[in-house]
Amino acid sequence: MKLARRPEYITLGEVLREAREELGLTQRALARKLGRAETSIGKIEAGQQRIDLVELADLAVALRISLTDLTARFERKLGR
């Protein structure tokens, strides 16, 4: 597991959590869609676990959001 140390990971986790909640999915349901442990989703959303681009793309598909939209939400939340 790659531990996150930058505040941007917390922001990314918030964006992912918001997208998950918009779909009405629980962490457990999202974890099942991805074949991951529920605790892993919780850590990602809390900004405690880093993810790579492939994992982010998998999350985007599971959350029915494009990487472009996900990135735009992330950038807006960062104020960029």
N, C-alpha and C. Protein backbone atom coordinates (compact mmCIF):
# COMPACT_ATOMS: atom_id res chain seq x y z
N MET A 1 0.85 -1.18 0.00
CA MET A 1 0.00 0.00 0.00
C MET A 1 0.89 1.24 0.00
N LYS A 2 0.52 2.20 -0.82
CA LYS A 2 1.25 3.45 -0.91
C LYS A 2 0.55 4.48 -0.04
N LEU A 3 1.23 4.96 0.99
CA LEU A 3 0.63 5.94 1.88
C LEU A 3 0.70 7.33 1.27
N ALA A 4 -0.37 8.06 1.39
CA ALA A 4 -0.43 9.42 0.87
C ALA A 4 0.12 10.39 1.91
N ARG A 5 0.85 11.38 1.45
CA ARG A 5 1.42 12.36 2.36
C ARG A 5 1.08 13.80 1.96
N ARG A 6 0.47 13.98 0.81
CA ARG A 6 0.18 15.33 0.33
C ARG A 6 -1.30 15.64 0.49
N PRO A 7 -1.63 16.90 0.76
CA PRO A 7 -3.04 17.28 0.93
C PRO A 7 -3.88 17.05 -0.32
N GLU A 8 -3.25 17.00 -1.49
CA GLU A 8 -3.99 16.76 -2.72
C GLU A 8 -4.68 15.40 -2.71
N TYR A 9 -4.11 14.44 -1.99
CA TYR A 9 -4.75 13.12 -1.91
C TYR A 9 -6.04 13.19 -1.10
N ILE A 10 -6.07 14.07 -0.12
CA ILE A 10 -7.31 14.27 0.64
C ILE A 10 -8.37 14.87 -0.27
N THR A 11 -7.97 15.85 -1.07
CA THR A 11 -8.90 16.47 -2.02
C THR A 11 -9.40 15.46 -3.03
N LEU A 12 -8.52 14.64 -3.57
CA LEU A 12 -8.93 13.61 -4.52
C LEU A 12 -9.92 12.65 -3.86
N GLY A 13 -9.64 12.28 -2.64
CA GLY A 13 -10.54 11.39 -1.91
C GLY A 13 -11.92 12.01 -1.74
N GLU A 14 -11.95 13.31 -1.47
CA GLU A 14 -13.24 14.01 -1.33
C GLU A 14 -14.02 13.98 -2.64
N VAL A 15 -13.32 14.21 -3.74
CA VAL A 15 -13.97 14.19 -5.06
C VAL A 15 -14.53 12.80 -5.35
N LEU A 16 -13.76 11.78 -5.05
CA LEU A 16 -14.22 10.41 -5.29
C LEU A 16 -15.41 10.07 -4.39
N ARG A 17 -15.34 10.49 -3.14
CA ARG A 17 -16.46 10.22 -2.22
C ARG A 17 -17.73 10.91 -2.70
N GLU A 18 -17.60 12.17 -3.12
CA GLU A 18 -18.77 12.90 -3.62
C GLU A 18 -19.37 12.22 -4.84
N ALA A 19 -18.52 11.76 -5.75
CA ALA A 19 -19.02 11.06 -6.95
C ALA A 19 -19.71 9.76 -6.56
N ARG A 20 -19.16 9.05 -5.60
CA ARG A 20 -19.77 7.80 -5.12
C ARG A 20 -21.13 8.08 -4.51
N GLU A 21 -21.19 9.10 -3.67
CA GLU A 21 -22.45 9.44 -3.00
C GLU A 21 -23.51 9.93 -3.99
N GLU A 22 -23.09 10.61 -5.06
CA GLU A 22 -24.04 11.05 -6.09
C GLU A 22 -24.74 9.85 -6.73
N LEU A 23 -24.04 8.73 -6.82
CA LEU A 23 -24.63 7.51 -7.38
C LEU A 23 -25.41 6.72 -6.34
N GLY A 24 -25.30 7.12 -5.09
CA GLY A 24 -25.98 6.39 -4.02
C GLY A 24 -25.30 5.08 -3.67
N LEU A 25 -24.00 4.99 -3.97
CA LEU A 25 -23.25 3.77 -3.66
C LEU A 25 -22.61 3.87 -2.28
N THR A 26 -22.55 2.75 -1.60
CA THR A 26 -21.79 2.66 -0.35
C THR A 26 -20.35 2.33 -0.70
N GLN A 27 -19.46 2.49 0.27
CA GLN A 27 -18.08 2.08 0.05
C GLN A 27 -18.02 0.59 -0.26
N ARG A 28 -18.84 -0.18 0.42
CA ARG A 28 -18.87 -1.63 0.19
C ARG A 28 -19.28 -1.96 -1.24
N ALA A 29 -20.33 -1.29 -1.73
CA ALA A 29 -20.80 -1.54 -3.10
C ALA A 29 -19.74 -1.17 -4.13
N LEU A 30 -19.07 -0.04 -3.92
CA LEU A 30 -18.01 0.37 -4.84
C LEU A 30 -16.85 -0.61 -4.78
N ALA A 31 -16.49 -1.03 -3.60
CA ALA A 31 -15.40 -2.00 -3.44
C ALA A 31 -15.73 -3.29 -4.19
N ARG A 32 -16.95 -3.74 -4.10
CA ARG A 32 -17.36 -4.97 -4.81
C ARG A 32 -17.25 -4.79 -6.31
N LYS A 33 -17.66 -3.62 -6.82
CA LYS A 33 -17.57 -3.36 -8.26
C LYS A 33 -16.13 -3.42 -8.74
N LEU A 34 -15.22 -3.04 -7.87
CA LEU A 34 -13.80 -2.97 -8.23
C LEU A 34 -13.01 -4.20 -7.82
N GLY A 35 -13.63 -5.08 -7.04
CA GLY A 35 -12.90 -6.25 -6.55
C GLY A 35 -11.84 -5.88 -5.52
N ARG A 36 -12.15 -4.87 -4.73
CA ARG A 36 -11.22 -4.38 -3.70
C ARG A 36 -11.85 -4.53 -2.34
N ALA A 37 -11.03 -4.38 -1.32
CA ALA A 37 -11.52 -4.39 0.06
C ALA A 37 -12.21 -3.06 0.35
N GLU A 38 -13.26 -3.12 1.14
CA GLU A 38 -13.98 -1.91 1.54
C GLU A 38 -13.05 -0.93 2.26
N THR A 39 -12.14 -1.46 3.06
CA THR A 39 -11.20 -0.60 3.79
C THR A 39 -10.31 0.18 2.83
N SER A 40 -10.01 -0.41 1.69
CA SER A 40 -9.19 0.27 0.69
C SER A 40 -9.91 1.52 0.16
N ILE A 41 -11.20 1.39 -0.10
CA ILE A 41 -11.98 2.54 -0.59
C ILE A 41 -12.00 3.63 0.49
N GLY A 42 -12.20 3.23 1.72
CA GLY A 42 -12.21 4.19 2.82
C GLY A 42 -10.90 4.95 2.94
N LYS A 43 -9.79 4.23 2.78
CA LYS A 43 -8.48 4.88 2.87
C LYS A 43 -8.24 5.83 1.70
N ILE A 44 -8.67 5.43 0.52
CA ILE A 44 -8.52 6.31 -0.65
C ILE A 44 -9.33 7.58 -0.44
N GLU A 45 -10.58 7.42 0.00
CA GLU A 45 -11.44 8.59 0.21
C GLU A 45 -10.95 9.48 1.34
N ALA A 46 -10.24 8.92 2.29
CA ALA A 46 -9.70 9.70 3.40
C ALA A 46 -8.35 10.33 3.05
N GLY A 47 -7.85 10.04 1.86
CA GLY A 47 -6.56 10.57 1.45
C GLY A 47 -5.39 9.88 2.10
N GLN A 48 -5.61 8.68 2.60
CA GLN A 48 -4.57 7.93 3.31
C GLN A 48 -3.87 6.91 2.42
N GLN A 49 -4.40 6.70 1.22
CA GLN A 49 -3.80 5.73 0.31
C GLN A 49 -3.72 6.34 -1.08
N ARG A 50 -2.53 6.32 -1.66
CA ARG A 50 -2.36 6.84 -3.01
C ARG A 50 -2.86 5.82 -4.03
N ILE A 51 -3.26 6.31 -5.18
CA ILE A 51 -3.64 5.42 -6.27
C ILE A 51 -2.94 5.89 -7.53
N ASP A 52 -2.74 4.96 -8.46
CA ASP A 52 -2.11 5.34 -9.72
C ASP A 52 -3.19 5.64 -10.77
N LEU A 53 -2.75 6.02 -11.95
CA LEU A 53 -3.68 6.43 -12.99
C LEU A 53 -4.62 5.30 -13.42
N VAL A 54 -4.10 4.09 -13.48
CA VAL A 54 -4.94 2.95 -13.87
C VAL A 54 -6.04 2.73 -12.83
N GLU A 55 -5.68 2.82 -11.55
CA GLU A 55 -6.67 2.67 -10.48
C GLU A 55 -7.70 3.81 -10.53
N LEU A 56 -7.23 5.02 -10.82
CA LEU A 56 -8.14 6.16 -10.94
C LEU A 56 -9.11 5.95 -12.10
N ALA A 57 -8.60 5.43 -13.22
CA ALA A 57 -9.46 5.15 -14.37
C ALA A 57 -10.50 4.09 -14.02
N ASP A 58 -10.10 3.06 -13.28
CA ASP A 58 -11.05 2.02 -12.84
C ASP A 58 -12.13 2.63 -11.95
N LEU A 59 -11.73 3.50 -11.05
CA LEU A 59 -12.69 4.18 -10.18
C LEU A 59 -13.65 5.03 -11.00
N ALA A 60 -13.13 5.75 -11.97
CA ALA A 60 -13.97 6.61 -12.81
C ALA A 60 -15.03 5.77 -13.54
N VAL A 61 -14.63 4.64 -14.09
CA VAL A 61 -15.59 3.77 -14.78
C VAL A 61 -16.65 3.29 -13.80
N ALA A 62 -16.22 2.84 -12.63
CA ALA A 62 -17.17 2.33 -11.63
C ALA A 62 -18.12 3.43 -11.15
N LEU A 63 -17.63 4.67 -11.15
CA LEU A 63 -18.44 5.80 -10.69
C LEU A 63 -19.19 6.48 -11.84
N ARG A 64 -19.05 5.93 -13.03
CA ARG A 64 -19.73 6.46 -14.23
C ARG A 64 -19.42 7.94 -14.46
N ILE A 65 -18.13 8.24 -14.39
CA ILE A 65 -17.67 9.61 -14.61
C ILE A 65 -16.41 9.54 -15.47
N SER A 66 -16.25 10.47 -16.37
CA SER A 66 -15.05 10.46 -17.21
C SER A 66 -13.85 10.95 -16.41
N LEU A 67 -12.68 10.54 -16.85
CA LEU A 67 -11.47 11.05 -16.20
C LEU A 67 -11.38 12.57 -16.36
N THR A 68 -11.84 13.07 -17.49
CA THR A 68 -11.83 14.51 -17.72
C THR A 68 -12.68 15.24 -16.69
N ASP A 69 -13.89 14.73 -16.46
CA ASP A 69 -14.78 15.35 -15.48
C ASP A 69 -14.21 15.20 -14.07
N LEU A 70 -13.68 14.04 -13.78
CA LEU A 70 -13.08 13.80 -12.46
C LEU A 70 -11.93 14.77 -12.22
N THR A 71 -11.09 14.94 -13.22
CA THR A 71 -9.95 15.85 -13.11
C THR A 71 -10.43 17.30 -12.96
N ALA A 72 -11.46 17.66 -13.69
CA ALA A 72 -12.00 19.03 -13.58
C ALA A 72 -12.54 19.29 -12.18
N ARG A 73 -13.24 18.33 -11.63
CA ARG A 73 -13.74 18.48 -10.26
C ARG A 73 -12.59 18.63 -9.27
N PHE A 74 -11.55 17.84 -9.47
CA PHE A 74 -10.37 17.89 -8.61
C PHE A 74 -9.72 19.27 -8.69
N GLU A 75 -9.53 19.76 -9.90
CA GLU A 75 -8.91 21.07 -10.11
C GLU A 75 -9.74 22.19 -9.48
N ARG A 76 -11.06 22.12 -9.66
CA ARG A 76 -11.94 23.14 -9.06
C ARG A 76 -11.82 23.13 -7.54
N LYS A 77 -11.80 21.94 -6.97
CA LYS A 77 -11.73 21.83 -5.51
C LYS A 77 -10.40 22.38 -4.99
N LEU A 78 -9.36 22.22 -5.79
CA LEU A 78 -8.04 22.76 -5.40
C LEU A 78 -7.96 24.26 -5.63
N GLY A 79 -8.91 24.80 -6.38
CA GLY A 79 -8.90 26.23 -6.67
C GLY A 79 -7.96 26.61 -7.77
N ARG A 80 -7.72 25.69 -8.66
CA ARG A 80 -6.80 25.97 -9.79
C ARG A 80 -7.55 26.39 -11.01
